[in-house]
Amino acid sequence: MGTVKIRFLMLLLQRTNNQNPDVITLVKELDAYLKITDGNEHEFYNQFNGLDNISHCIVAYVDGKPAGCGAIKEFDDNAMEIKRMYLRTEYRGKSIAEEMITELESWALELGFTRIVLETGERQVEAVRFYHKMGYELMPNYGQYIGMENSSCFEKQLA
C-alpha cells in the first residue's frame, strides 16, 4: 500500500472499511451501473452486494480524487471473496485496476488466506477480460450463483 506514480498520475491505495464516505459513494455509482447491465436480474444480485458484512475495503485515489474501490470478505477458511470492485470510467485503461486487485490479494495473504474467489456478470465483458488477464480461472458457480446463466465465478491461488 502506498503512493505509486502511473503514467503521470499519482495513485494512492488506501485500506479502509465500509464506513468510508468515498467507498459508499463509489459503491452507489457501481450499483447504478449494475442496475442497467443486470436488467431484470439486478434485484437478485443486489441482495448479496451490501456493504454491511464487508470490513476490508480499499479506495484508489488518483491525484487526490477517489477513482475506484474494491473489497474482500471471508468466503471460507482458506479464501477471501472480492466484492464491490469498481473503477470510474475515466480512470480505466491506466493500470489502476491492476494495482487495486494486487493490493486486495496482498491484503488477503496478510490475513492468512491462500485463495481468492469472485463472481462477475457475463454482461460485464471488461471485467471478465480483466480477471482472466490477472490470472483468475473460471470455476463452477458457487453459492447463490449456482444456476445463474449471467454469472461467472473465478478463483486464483495466492500461495
Foldseek 3Di string as FASTA:
>chain_A
DAWDQFPNKTKGKDKWFPVDPLLVVQLVVVLVVCCVLVPPCSVVVVVVADRPQWTTKIFIAIVNHTFWMKTWHDDDPAEIEIGRGDGPPVCPPRCPSVVRVVVRLVVCVVVPHFKYKYKDFQSPVVVVVVCVVSPWDWDADDDPCHPPPRMTMTMDTRD
